[in-house]
Structures are given as C-alpha cells and as structure tokens.
C-alpha atoms as a PDB file:
ATOM      1  CA  UNK A   1      13.498  75.338  17.138  1.00  0.00           C
ATOM      2  CA  UNK A   2      14.668  72.546  15.244  1.00  0.00           C
ATOM      3  CA  UNK A   3      13.263  71.307  11.695  1.00  0.00           C
ATOM      4  CA  UNK A   4      13.260  68.051  11.442  1.00  0.00           C
ATOM      5  CA  UNK A   5      12.521  66.966   7.930  1.00  0.00           C
ATOM      6  CA  UNK A   6       9.366  64.364   6.899  1.00  0.00           C
ATOM      7  CA  UNK A   7      10.973  61.171   6.434  1.00  0.00           C
ATOM      8  CA  UNK A   8      11.076  60.406   2.739  1.00  0.00           C
ATOM      9  CA  UNK A   9      11.699  57.045   1.888  1.00  0.00           C
ATOM     10  CA  UNK A  10      13.056  54.959  -1.083  1.00  0.00           C
ATOM     11  CA  UNK A  11      13.713  51.391  -1.976  1.00  0.00           C
ATOM     12  CA  UNK A  12      17.726  50.573  -1.929  1.00  0.00           C
ATOM     13  CA  UNK A  13      19.589  47.746  -0.083  1.00  0.00           C
ATOM     14  CA  UNK A  14      20.845  49.448   3.227  1.00  0.00           C
ATOM     15  CA  UNK A  15      24.984  49.140   3.681  1.00  0.00           C
ATOM     16  CA  UNK A  16      25.582  45.463   5.267  1.00  0.00           C
ATOM     17  CA  UNK A  17      22.376  44.237   4.294  1.00  0.00           C
ATOM     18  CA  UNK A  18      21.460  42.189   1.057  1.00  0.00           C
ATOM     19  CA  UNK A  19      17.480  42.878   1.265  1.00  0.00           C
ATOM     20  CA  UNK A  20      15.733  45.716  -0.705  1.00  0.00           C
ATOM     21  CA  UNK A  21      14.298  47.782   2.273  1.00  0.00           C
ATOM     22  CA  UNK A  22      12.830  51.294   2.747  1.00  0.00           C
ATOM     23  CA  UNK A  23      14.952  53.738   3.624  1.00  0.00           C
ATOM     24  CA  UNK A  24      15.058  57.319   4.465  1.00  0.00           C
ATOM     25  CA  UNK A  25      16.944  59.642   2.360  1.00  0.00           C
ATOM     26  CA  UNK A  26      17.343  62.401   4.917  1.00  0.00           C
ATOM     27  CA  UNK A  27      18.578  59.987   7.895  1.00  0.00           C
ATOM     28  CA  UNK A  28      19.255  56.456   6.398  1.00  0.00           C
ATOM     29  CA  UNK A  29      16.307  55.147   8.696  1.00  0.00           C
ATOM     30  CA  UNK A  30      15.638  51.539   7.409  1.00  0.00           C
ATOM     31  CA  UNK A  31      12.092  50.807   7.814  1.00  0.00           C
ATOM     32  CA  UNK A  32      11.780  47.262   8.365  1.00  0.00           C
ATOM     33  CA  UNK A  33       8.846  45.258   7.073  1.00  0.00           C
ATOM     34  CA  UNK A  34       8.604  42.053   9.227  1.00  0.00           C
ATOM     35  CA  UNK A  35       5.603  39.260   9.664  1.00  0.00           C
ATOM     36  CA  UNK A  36       2.578  39.940  11.808  1.00  0.00           C
ATOM     37  CA  UNK A  37       2.550  37.665  15.240  1.00  0.00           C
ATOM     38  CA  UNK A  38      -0.733  36.120  15.699  1.00  0.00           C
ATOM     39  CA  UNK A  39      -1.613  34.550  18.798  1.00  0.00           C
ATOM     40  CA  UNK A  40      -4.639  32.392  19.804  1.00  0.00           C
ATOM     41  CA  UNK A  41      -6.281  29.252  21.010  1.00  0.00           C
ATOM     42  CA  UNK A  42      -8.031  26.295  20.957  1.00  0.00           C
ATOM     43  CA  UNK A  43     -10.184  26.483  23.697  1.00  0.00           C
ATOM     44  CA  UNK A  44     -11.811  23.599  25.041  1.00  0.00           C
ATOM     45  CA  UNK A  45     -15.041  23.300  27.975  1.00  0.00           C
ATOM     46  CA  UNK A  46     -15.084  19.733  28.844  1.00  0.00           C
ATOM     47  CA  UNK A  47     -14.918  18.147  25.538  1.00  0.00           C
ATOM     48  CA  UNK A  48     -16.420  21.113  23.187  1.00  0.00           C
ATOM     49  CA  UNK A  49     -14.236  23.666  21.355  1.00  0.00           C
ATOM     50  CA  UNK A  50     -14.936  27.016  21.249  1.00  0.00           C
ATOM     51  CA  UNK A  51     -15.319  28.710  17.952  1.00  0.00           C
ATOM     52  CA  UNK A  52     -16.310  31.646  16.850  1.00  0.00           C
ATOM     53  CA  UNK A  53     -17.928  32.850  13.383  1.00  0.00           C
ATOM     54  CA  UNK A  54     -16.058  35.848  11.873  1.00  0.00           C
ATOM     55  CA  UNK A  55     -18.165  39.417  11.508  1.00  0.00           C
ATOM     56  CA  UNK A  56     -15.456  40.743   9.313  1.00  0.00           C
ATOM     57  CA  UNK A  57     -12.816  40.217   6.361  1.00  0.00           C
ATOM     58  CA  UNK A  58     -11.157  38.381   5.447  1.00  0.00           C
ATOM     59  CA  UNK A  59     -13.448  35.291   5.475  1.00  0.00           C
ATOM     60  CA  UNK A  60     -16.764  37.019   7.335  1.00  0.00           C
ATOM     61  CA  UNK A  61     -19.057  34.756   7.928  1.00  0.00           C
ATOM     62  CA  UNK A  62     -16.806  31.459   8.394  1.00  0.00           C
ATOM     63  CA  UNK A  63     -15.705  30.080  11.623  1.00  0.00           C
ATOM     64  CA  UNK A  64     -12.944  30.333  13.199  1.00  0.00           C
ATOM     65  CA  UNK A  65     -10.699  30.119  16.275  1.00  0.00           C
ATOM     66  CA  UNK A  66     -10.287  32.895  19.092  1.00  0.00           C
ATOM     67  CA  UNK A  67      -6.967  34.820  17.409  1.00  0.00           C
ATOM     68  CA  UNK A  68      -5.497  37.541  16.521  1.00  0.00           C
ATOM     69  CA  UNK A  69      -2.904  40.104  16.404  1.00  0.00           C
ATOM     70  CA  UNK A  70      -0.648  41.004  19.188  1.00  0.00           C
ATOM     71  CA  UNK A  71      -0.579  44.074  20.791  1.00  0.00           C
ATOM     72  CA  UNK A  72       3.015  45.789  21.649  1.00  0.00           C
ATOM     73  CA  UNK A  73       3.761  45.213  25.315  1.00  0.00           C
ATOM     74  CA  UNK A  74       1.706  41.929  25.495  1.00  0.00           C
ATOM     75  CA  UNK A  75       2.833  38.249  25.759  1.00  0.00           C
ATOM     76  CA  UNK A  76       1.578  35.592  23.091  1.00  0.00           C
ATOM     77  CA  UNK A  77      -0.342  34.085  26.051  1.00  0.00           C
ATOM     78  CA  UNK A  78      -1.434  37.519  27.041  1.00  0.00           C
ATOM     79  CA  UNK A  79      -2.326  38.254  23.278  1.00  0.00           C
ATOM     80  CA  UNK A  80      -4.182  34.346  22.696  1.00  0.00           C
ATOM     81  CA  UNK A  81      -6.249  35.735  26.529  1.00  0.00           C
ATOM     82  CA  UNK A  82      -7.093  38.867  25.187  1.00  0.00           C
ATOM     83  CA  UNK A  83      -8.282  38.016  21.940  1.00  0.00           C
ATOM     84  CA  UNK A  84     -10.379  35.423  22.993  1.00  0.00           C
ATOM     85  CA  UNK A  85     -12.052  37.818  25.769  1.00  0.00           C
ATOM     86  CA  UNK A  86     -12.479  40.399  22.793  1.00  0.00           C
ATOM     87  CA  UNK A  87     -13.975  37.607  20.741  1.00  0.00           C
ATOM     88  CA  UNK A  88     -15.953  35.531  22.452  1.00  0.00           C
ATOM     89  CA  UNK A  89     -16.217  37.478  25.982  1.00  0.00           C
ATOM     90  CA  UNK A  90     -14.153  34.210  26.882  1.00  0.00           C
ATOM     91  CA  UNK A  91     -12.323  33.978  29.968  1.00  0.00           C
ATOM     92  CA  UNK A  92      -9.546  31.492  29.047  1.00  0.00           C
ATOM     93  CA  UNK A  93      -6.682  29.389  30.965  1.00  0.00           C
ATOM     94  CA  UNK A  94      -3.885  28.793  28.785  1.00  0.00           C
ATOM     95  CA  UNK A  95      -2.818  25.089  28.814  1.00  0.00           C
ATOM     96  CA  UNK A  96       0.449  25.152  26.604  1.00  0.00           C
ATOM     97  CA  UNK A  97       1.887  25.709  23.321  1.00  0.00           C
ATOM     98  CA  UNK A  98      -0.044  23.568  20.379  1.00  0.00           C
ATOM     99  CA  UNK A  99       1.820  25.142  17.156  1.00  0.00           C
ATOM    100  CA  UNK A 100       3.702  27.504  15.525  1.00  0.00           C
ATOM    101  CA  UNK A 101       2.479  28.535  11.965  1.00  0.00           C
ATOM    102  CA  UNK A 102       4.558  30.213   9.280  1.00  0.00           C
ATOM    103  CA  UNK A 103       2.192  32.148   6.822  1.00  0.00           C
ATOM    104  CA  UNK A 104       5.001  33.956   4.912  1.00  0.00           C
ATOM    105  CA  UNK A 105       2.197  34.616   1.658  1.00  0.00           C
ATOM    106  CA  UNK A 106       0.615  37.221   4.030  1.00  0.00           C
ATOM    107  CA  UNK A 107       3.341  37.636   6.397  1.00  0.00           C
ATOM    108  CA  UNK A 108       2.289  36.472   9.339  1.00  0.00           C
ATOM    109  CA  UNK A 109       3.342  33.879  12.238  1.00  0.00           C
ATOM    110  CA  UNK A 110       0.585  32.039  14.192  1.00  0.00           C
ATOM    111  CA  UNK A 111       1.345  30.656  17.549  1.00  0.00           C
ATOM    112  CA  UNK A 112      -1.665  28.672  19.069  1.00  0.00           C
ATOM    113  CA  UNK A 113      -1.801  27.207  22.521  1.00  0.00           C
ATOM    114  CA  UNK A 114      -4.203  24.816  24.140  1.00  0.00           C
ATOM    115  CA  UNK A 115      -6.470  26.418  26.512  1.00  0.00           C
ATOM    116  CA  UNK A 116      -9.723  26.121  28.901  1.00  0.00           C
ATOM    117  CA  UNK A 117     -12.292  27.997  29.274  1.00  0.00           C
ATOM    118  CA  UNK A 118     -12.655  29.542  32.883  1.00  0.00           C
ATOM    119  CA  UNK A 119     -16.395  30.560  32.580  1.00  0.00           C
ATOM    120  CA  UNK A 120     -18.900  31.754  30.128  1.00  0.00           C
ATOM    121  CA  UNK A 121     -18.856  32.980  26.861  1.00  0.00           C
ATOM    122  CA  UNK A 122     -20.295  35.559  24.673  1.00  0.00           C
ATOM    123  CA  UNK A 123     -20.541  37.471  21.302  1.00  0.00           C
ATOM    124  CA  UNK A 124     -17.544  40.241  20.707  1.00  0.00           C
ATOM    125  CA  UNK A 125     -17.919  43.130  18.233  1.00  0.00           C
ATOM    126  CA  UNK A 126     -15.965  40.989  15.684  1.00  0.00           C
ATOM    127  CA  UNK A 127     -18.084  37.628  16.234  1.00  0.00           C
ATOM    128  CA  UNK A 128     -21.569  37.019  14.502  1.00  0.00           C
ATOM    129  CA  UNK A 129     -21.705  33.689  16.583  1.00  0.00           C
ATOM    130  CA  UNK A 130     -19.976  31.840  19.329  1.00  0.00           C
ATOM    131  CA  UNK A 131     -20.470  28.272  19.951  1.00  0.00           C
ATOM    132  CA  UNK A 132     -19.114  25.003  21.610  1.00  0.00           C
ATOM    133  CA  UNK A 133     -18.709  22.104  19.108  1.00  0.00           C
ATOM    134  CA  UNK A 134     -18.401  18.547  19.664  1.00  0.00           C
ATOM    135  CA  UNK A 135     -15.381  17.120  17.433  1.00  0.00           C
ATOM    136  CA  UNK A 136     -18.315  15.715  15.404  1.00  0.00           C
ATOM    137  CA  UNK A 137     -20.197  18.827  14.970  1.00  0.00           C
ATOM    138  CA  UNK A 138     -17.290  20.798  13.851  1.00  0.00           C
ATOM    139  CA  UNK A 139     -18.787  22.712  10.535  1.00  0.00           C
ATOM    140  CA  UNK A 140     -15.457  21.964   9.073  1.00  0.00           C
ATOM    141  CA  UNK A 141     -16.366  23.101   4.973  1.00  0.00           C
ATOM    142  CA  UNK A 142     -17.115  26.570   6.751  1.00  0.00           C
ATOM    143  CA  UNK A 143     -13.623  26.986   8.479  1.00  0.00           C
ATOM    144  CA  UNK A 144     -12.227  29.718   7.625  1.00  0.00           C
ATOM    145  CA  UNK A 145      -8.340  29.617   7.318  1.00  0.00           C
ATOM    146  CA  UNK A 146      -6.398  26.680   6.745  1.00  0.00           C
ATOM    147  CA  UNK A 147      -4.263  27.074  10.119  1.00  0.00           C
ATOM    148  CA  UNK A 148      -7.969  26.370  12.109  1.00  0.00           C
ATOM    149  CA  UNK A 149      -8.249  23.423  10.637  1.00  0.00           C
ATOM    150  CA  UNK A 150      -4.468  22.717  11.055  1.00  0.00           C
ATOM    151  CA  UNK A 151      -4.960  23.831  14.758  1.00  0.00           C
ATOM    152  CA  UNK A 152      -7.491  21.759  15.313  1.00  0.00           C
ATOM    153  CA  UNK A 153      -6.239  18.316  13.650  1.00  0.00           C
ATOM    154  CA  UNK A 154      -2.930  18.696  15.751  1.00  0.00           C
ATOM    155  CA  UNK A 155      -5.093  19.514  19.180  1.00  0.00           C
ATOM    156  CA  UNK A 156      -6.987  16.275  18.325  1.00  0.00           C
ATOM    157  CA  UNK A 157      -3.387  14.729  17.665  1.00  0.00           C
ATOM    158  CA  UNK A 158      -2.513  16.086  21.379  1.00  0.00           C
ATOM    159  CA  UNK A 159      -5.773  16.198  23.121  1.00  0.00           C
ATOM    160  CA  UNK A 160      -5.055  12.791  25.393  1.00  0.00           C
ATOM    161  CA  UNK A 161      -1.583  14.037  26.264  1.00  0.00           C
ATOM    162  CA  UNK A 162      -0.030  16.146  28.850  1.00  0.00           C
ATOM    163  CA  UNK A 163       3.452  16.375  27.262  1.00  0.00           C
ATOM    164  CA  UNK A 164       4.268  17.007  23.450  1.00  0.00           C
ATOM    165  CA  UNK A 165       6.590  18.964  20.556  1.00  0.00           C
ATOM    166  CA  UNK A 166       4.362  21.950  19.541  1.00  0.00           C
ATOM    167  CA  UNK A 167       3.249  21.348  16.070  1.00  0.00           C
ATOM    168  CA  UNK A 168       4.556  23.165  12.799  1.00  0.00           C
ATOM    169  CA  UNK A 169       3.404  23.221   9.244  1.00  0.00           C
ATOM    170  CA  UNK A 170       1.810  19.958   8.039  1.00  0.00           C
ATOM    171  CA  UNK A 171       4.178  18.831   5.112  1.00  0.00           C
ATOM    172  CA  UNK A 172       3.689  20.522   1.740  1.00  0.00           C
ATOM    173  CA  UNK A 173       1.909  23.636   2.676  1.00  0.00           C
ATOM    174  CA  UNK A 174       4.431  26.407   2.329  1.00  0.00           C
ATOM    175  CA  UNK A 175       1.852  28.208  -0.126  1.00  0.00           C
ATOM    176  CA  UNK A 176      -1.508  28.651   1.414  1.00  0.00           C
ATOM    177  CA  UNK A 177      -4.377  29.682  -1.235  1.00  0.00           C
ATOM    178  CA  UNK A 178      -6.679  31.467   1.606  1.00  0.00           C
END
C-alpha cells in the first residue's frame, strides 16, 4: 500500500508565476483560488418581474433576482434555470445574455440573462417570499445587492430590443460596498 502524505500548503510564488499561491510542500500542487461564477436571470411574466425575498445570509430579508453559484458540470444557462427553480420554483426559458458583472471585492463574476417564466412559481427553501412586480412597484430600497439594481436597470434599457450588446459594470463601480 502506498501512503500519500496529507497536503501541507504554504504561501509562495510558484515557478513561472508572479502571484503568491497556496502550494503543497509535498508535491508542489498549486491550489489556485479563482473567482466564483454566479448565474441568474431577470425573469419576466408578461410585464412583471420575478423577485425573491432572501431567507439566507447575506442580506436576509432583502429582495433579489433568482441567482446563485454555478455547479460543476453545468452551463451558465443551466445554472440560471436551476437557481430559478430552487429559489422560486420557477421553470424559465432563457432569452439571451443581459450582462456580465465583475465583483472582485468578493471574488465573483455574475452572469445575468433575460428570461421568461414558463408557468407558475412558488417559494423555494432559500426564499421567504416570491412575487411578481410591476416596474413601478419594485422595492428599490430593499434590493439585496448593487448587481440586482444594475441588472434591472440594464433590463429596462433593453426591454423593447431583441438585439443588444450585453452590459458590464456601470462606470465607477469597481468597488462595491455590500
């Protein structure tokens, strides 16, 4: 039987790299720490937008779009559809890419789509409440994250367009406060 030593990681700059990384002292394996990908959607039912009130931290009790971390083995479209099903019991049809937001402070890349609700919706385990909102009734002061505001605003700019260039972070938003 071969005994494989437990990893013993130290911080150092691997050969050929220029950044400090966690490297195993025993085998030189580099444990790269990369941003997490979040996939979600601005989901429409007619002219109404689907929002979920978060039942989990961070920002418990605030409203958000259905979105969450990708899993290994799924596409970003599949991840967005799965998150809508998990958070809002919503079966959705992805329309097109809306935006890609970089949130380096928390190590995330958020990929947002426009989508349509194919049927009903309900309250998933990560939501306290799920509802459809007319644009005028969106609870702007109770939205969980700046990226939710960005995605809704970018959706509004494209709601009557079938073709558009996907959006990125609005100017001056390289650092987010929450």
